[in-house]
Each structure stands twice: as structure tokens, then as C-alpha cells.
């Protein structure tokens, strides 16, 4: 039996959806990169992500504390 060599409509739709998701993802990455580049550094020169971390063992998080 002969097979249909042409891609089906469903495959074309899937491929279009993949391309659209890739474009959206690239746009999100681009905007996030611009946002991070435009963010002003903290005034005291300390990275805000690690500002509250102290040397040694860290205290347990709120969800880890048993009451």
C-alpha cells in the first residue's frame, strides 16, 4: 500500500506551535536579560541574593520549624 508522503495537518499545527513557543521563550529571555541589565546594583555593593547569608550552618526555614 502506498503511504501518504505529505505531512498531515496535525503535524503542521504541532510544528507551528513549537515555533511559536520558541519565539515566546526567546522573547521572555530577551526581556529578562534587559531587566537584569537595567537593574541598579545595591548601594553597599553587596549582592541582594546573598546579603542575608551568614557563614556556618544556616537557621532552619519557617516551614522546617516544628511547633
N, C-alpha and C. Protein backbone atom coordinates (compact mmCIF):
# COMPACT_ATOMS: atom_id res chain seq x y z
N UNK A 1 0.83 -1.18 0.00
CA UNK A 1 0.00 0.00 0.00
C UNK A 1 0.88 1.25 0.00
N UNK A 2 0.43 2.22 -0.70
CA UNK A 2 1.18 3.48 -0.76
C UNK A 2 0.90 4.30 0.49
N UNK A 3 1.97 4.95 0.97
CA UNK A 3 1.81 5.81 2.16
C UNK A 3 1.75 7.26 1.72
N UNK A 4 1.08 8.04 2.50
CA UNK A 4 0.98 9.46 2.22
C UNK A 4 2.31 10.12 2.62
N UNK A 5 3.04 10.65 1.65
CA UNK A 5 4.35 11.23 1.91
C UNK A 5 4.26 12.66 2.44
N UNK A 6 3.10 13.27 2.31
CA UNK A 6 2.95 14.65 2.76
C UNK A 6 2.63 14.68 4.25
N UNK A 7 3.17 15.68 4.96
CA UNK A 7 2.86 15.77 6.39
C UNK A 7 1.37 16.09 6.60
N UNK A 8 0.86 15.57 7.65
CA UNK A 8 -0.56 15.79 7.93
C UNK A 8 -0.77 17.18 8.51
N UNK A 9 -2.01 17.57 8.53
CA UNK A 9 -2.36 18.89 9.08
C UNK A 9 -2.00 18.95 10.56
N UNK A 10 -2.17 17.86 11.26
CA UNK A 10 -1.85 17.84 12.69
C UNK A 10 -0.36 18.09 12.92
N UNK A 11 0.47 17.51 12.08
CA UNK A 11 1.91 17.71 12.22
C UNK A 11 2.27 19.17 11.95
N UNK A 12 1.66 19.76 10.94
CA UNK A 12 1.93 21.17 10.64
C UNK A 12 1.52 22.05 11.82
N UNK A 13 0.39 21.74 12.44
CA UNK A 13 -0.07 22.51 13.60
C UNK A 13 0.90 22.35 14.77
N UNK A 14 1.39 21.14 15.00
CA UNK A 14 2.35 20.91 16.08
C UNK A 14 3.63 21.70 15.83
N UNK A 15 4.09 21.69 14.58
CA UNK A 15 5.32 22.41 14.24
C UNK A 15 5.13 23.92 14.41
N UNK A 16 3.97 24.43 14.02
CA UNK A 16 3.69 25.86 14.21
C UNK A 16 3.66 26.20 15.69
N UNK A 17 3.07 25.34 16.50
CA UNK A 17 3.01 25.57 17.95
C UNK A 17 4.42 25.56 18.54
N UNK A 18 5.26 24.64 18.09
CA UNK A 18 6.65 24.60 18.58
C UNK A 18 7.39 25.88 18.23
N UNK A 19 7.24 26.34 17.01
CA UNK A 19 7.91 27.57 16.58
C UNK A 19 7.42 28.75 17.41
N UNK A 20 6.12 28.81 17.63
CA UNK A 20 5.56 29.91 18.42
C UNK A 20 6.07 29.88 19.86
N UNK A 21 6.14 28.69 20.45
CA UNK A 21 6.67 28.58 21.82
C UNK A 21 8.12 28.99 21.88
N UNK A 22 8.90 28.61 20.88
CA UNK A 22 10.32 29.01 20.85
C UNK A 22 10.45 30.53 20.76
N UNK A 23 9.61 31.15 19.95
CA UNK A 23 9.66 32.61 19.83
C UNK A 23 9.26 33.28 21.14
N UNK A 24 8.23 32.76 21.80
CA UNK A 24 7.81 33.33 23.08
C UNK A 24 8.91 33.18 24.12
N UNK A 25 9.55 32.03 24.14
CA UNK A 25 10.62 31.77 25.09
C UNK A 25 11.80 32.72 24.83
N UNK A 26 12.14 32.92 23.56
CA UNK A 26 13.23 33.83 23.22
C UNK A 26 12.89 35.25 23.65
N UNK A 27 11.64 35.65 23.47
CA UNK A 27 11.22 36.99 23.90
C UNK A 27 11.30 37.13 25.41
N UNK A 28 10.86 36.10 26.15
CA UNK A 28 10.96 36.15 27.62
C UNK A 28 12.41 36.27 28.05
N UNK A 29 13.28 35.49 27.42
CA UNK A 29 14.71 35.55 27.75
C UNK A 29 15.27 36.94 27.48
N UNK A 30 14.88 37.52 26.33
CA UNK A 30 15.38 38.84 25.96
C UNK A 30 14.91 39.90 26.96
N UNK A 31 13.64 39.87 27.34
CA UNK A 31 13.13 40.87 28.29
C UNK A 31 13.76 40.69 29.66
N UNK A 32 13.97 39.44 30.08
CA UNK A 32 14.60 39.19 31.38
C UNK A 32 16.05 39.68 31.37
N UNK A 33 16.73 39.47 30.27
CA UNK A 33 18.11 39.93 30.16
C UNK A 33 18.17 41.46 30.22
N UNK A 34 17.24 42.13 29.53
CA UNK A 34 17.19 43.59 29.57
C UNK A 34 16.86 44.08 30.98
N UNK A 35 15.94 43.39 31.66
CA UNK A 35 15.56 43.79 33.02
C UNK A 35 16.74 43.66 33.96
N UNK A 36 17.47 42.56 33.85
CA UNK A 36 18.62 42.35 34.71
C UNK A 36 19.73 43.35 34.42
N UNK A 37 19.91 43.68 33.15
CA UNK A 37 20.96 44.64 32.78
C UNK A 37 20.62 46.03 33.29
N UNK A 38 19.33 46.35 33.36
CA UNK A 38 18.90 47.67 33.80
C UNK A 38 18.80 47.80 35.31
N UNK A 39 18.89 46.70 36.02
CA UNK A 39 18.77 46.74 37.48
C UNK A 39 20.00 47.42 38.08
N UNK A 40 19.74 48.34 38.98
CA UNK A 40 20.84 49.06 39.62
C UNK A 40 21.46 48.18 40.71
N UNK A 41 22.77 48.19 40.83
CA UNK A 41 23.40 47.42 41.90
C UNK A 41 23.06 48.04 43.26
N UNK A 42 23.11 47.23 44.28
CA UNK A 42 22.78 47.74 45.60
C UNK A 42 23.81 48.80 46.02
N UNK A 43 23.40 49.74 46.86
CA UNK A 43 24.29 50.85 47.19
C UNK A 43 25.55 50.43 47.95
N UNK A 44 25.47 49.39 48.76
CA UNK A 44 26.64 49.00 49.54
C UNK A 44 27.51 47.97 48.80
N UNK A 45 27.17 47.62 47.57
CA UNK A 45 27.98 46.73 46.77
C UNK A 45 27.79 45.25 47.08
N UNK A 46 26.76 44.91 47.85
CA UNK A 46 26.51 43.52 48.22
C UNK A 46 25.40 42.98 47.32
N UNK A 47 25.60 41.78 46.84
CA UNK A 47 24.59 41.13 46.01
C UNK A 47 23.36 40.87 46.87
N UNK A 48 22.17 41.36 46.47
CA UNK A 48 20.98 41.19 47.30
C UNK A 48 20.56 39.73 47.46
N UNK A 49 20.97 38.85 46.54
CA UNK A 49 20.61 37.44 46.66
C UNK A 49 21.33 36.76 47.82
N UNK A 50 22.52 37.26 48.18
CA UNK A 50 23.29 36.61 49.24
C UNK A 50 23.52 37.54 50.43
N UNK A 51 22.79 38.64 50.50
CA UNK A 51 23.01 39.63 51.55
C UNK A 51 22.73 39.07 52.95
N UNK A 52 21.75 38.20 53.10
CA UNK A 52 21.35 37.70 54.42
C UNK A 52 22.02 36.39 54.80
N UNK A 53 22.90 35.87 53.99
CA UNK A 53 23.54 34.60 54.28
C UNK A 53 24.74 34.84 55.19
N UNK A 54 24.83 34.03 56.22
CA UNK A 54 25.95 34.12 57.16
C UNK A 54 26.81 32.87 57.03
N UNK A 55 28.05 32.96 57.45
CA UNK A 55 28.94 31.80 57.42
C UNK A 55 28.45 30.76 58.42
N UNK A 56 28.69 29.52 58.11
CA UNK A 56 28.32 28.44 59.01
C UNK A 56 26.95 27.89 58.68
N UNK A 57 26.43 27.05 59.58
CA UNK A 57 25.12 26.45 59.33
C UNK A 57 24.03 27.52 59.31
N UNK A 58 23.10 27.36 58.41
CA UNK A 58 22.01 28.31 58.27
C UNK A 58 20.87 27.90 59.19
N UNK A 59 20.14 28.88 59.73
CA UNK A 59 18.99 28.54 60.57
C UNK A 59 17.91 27.86 59.73
N UNK A 60 17.09 27.02 60.33
CA UNK A 60 16.04 26.34 59.57
C UNK A 60 15.02 27.35 59.03
N UNK A 61 14.45 27.01 57.90
CA UNK A 61 13.42 27.85 57.31
C UNK A 61 12.15 27.74 58.14
N UNK A 62 11.22 28.68 57.90
CA UNK A 62 9.97 28.70 58.68
C UNK A 62 9.21 27.39 58.56
N UNK A 63 9.20 26.79 57.38
CA UNK A 63 8.44 25.57 57.18
C UNK A 63 9.10 24.36 57.83
N UNK A 64 10.38 24.49 58.24
CA UNK A 64 11.09 23.39 58.86
C UNK A 64 10.96 23.38 60.39
N UNK A 65 10.48 24.46 60.95
CA UNK A 65 10.37 24.59 62.40
C UNK A 65 9.14 23.85 62.89
N UNK A 66 9.32 22.92 63.85
CA UNK A 66 8.21 22.21 64.44
C UNK A 66 7.67 23.02 65.60
N UNK A 67 6.38 23.04 65.71
CA UNK A 67 5.77 23.80 66.81
C UNK A 67 5.27 22.87 67.88
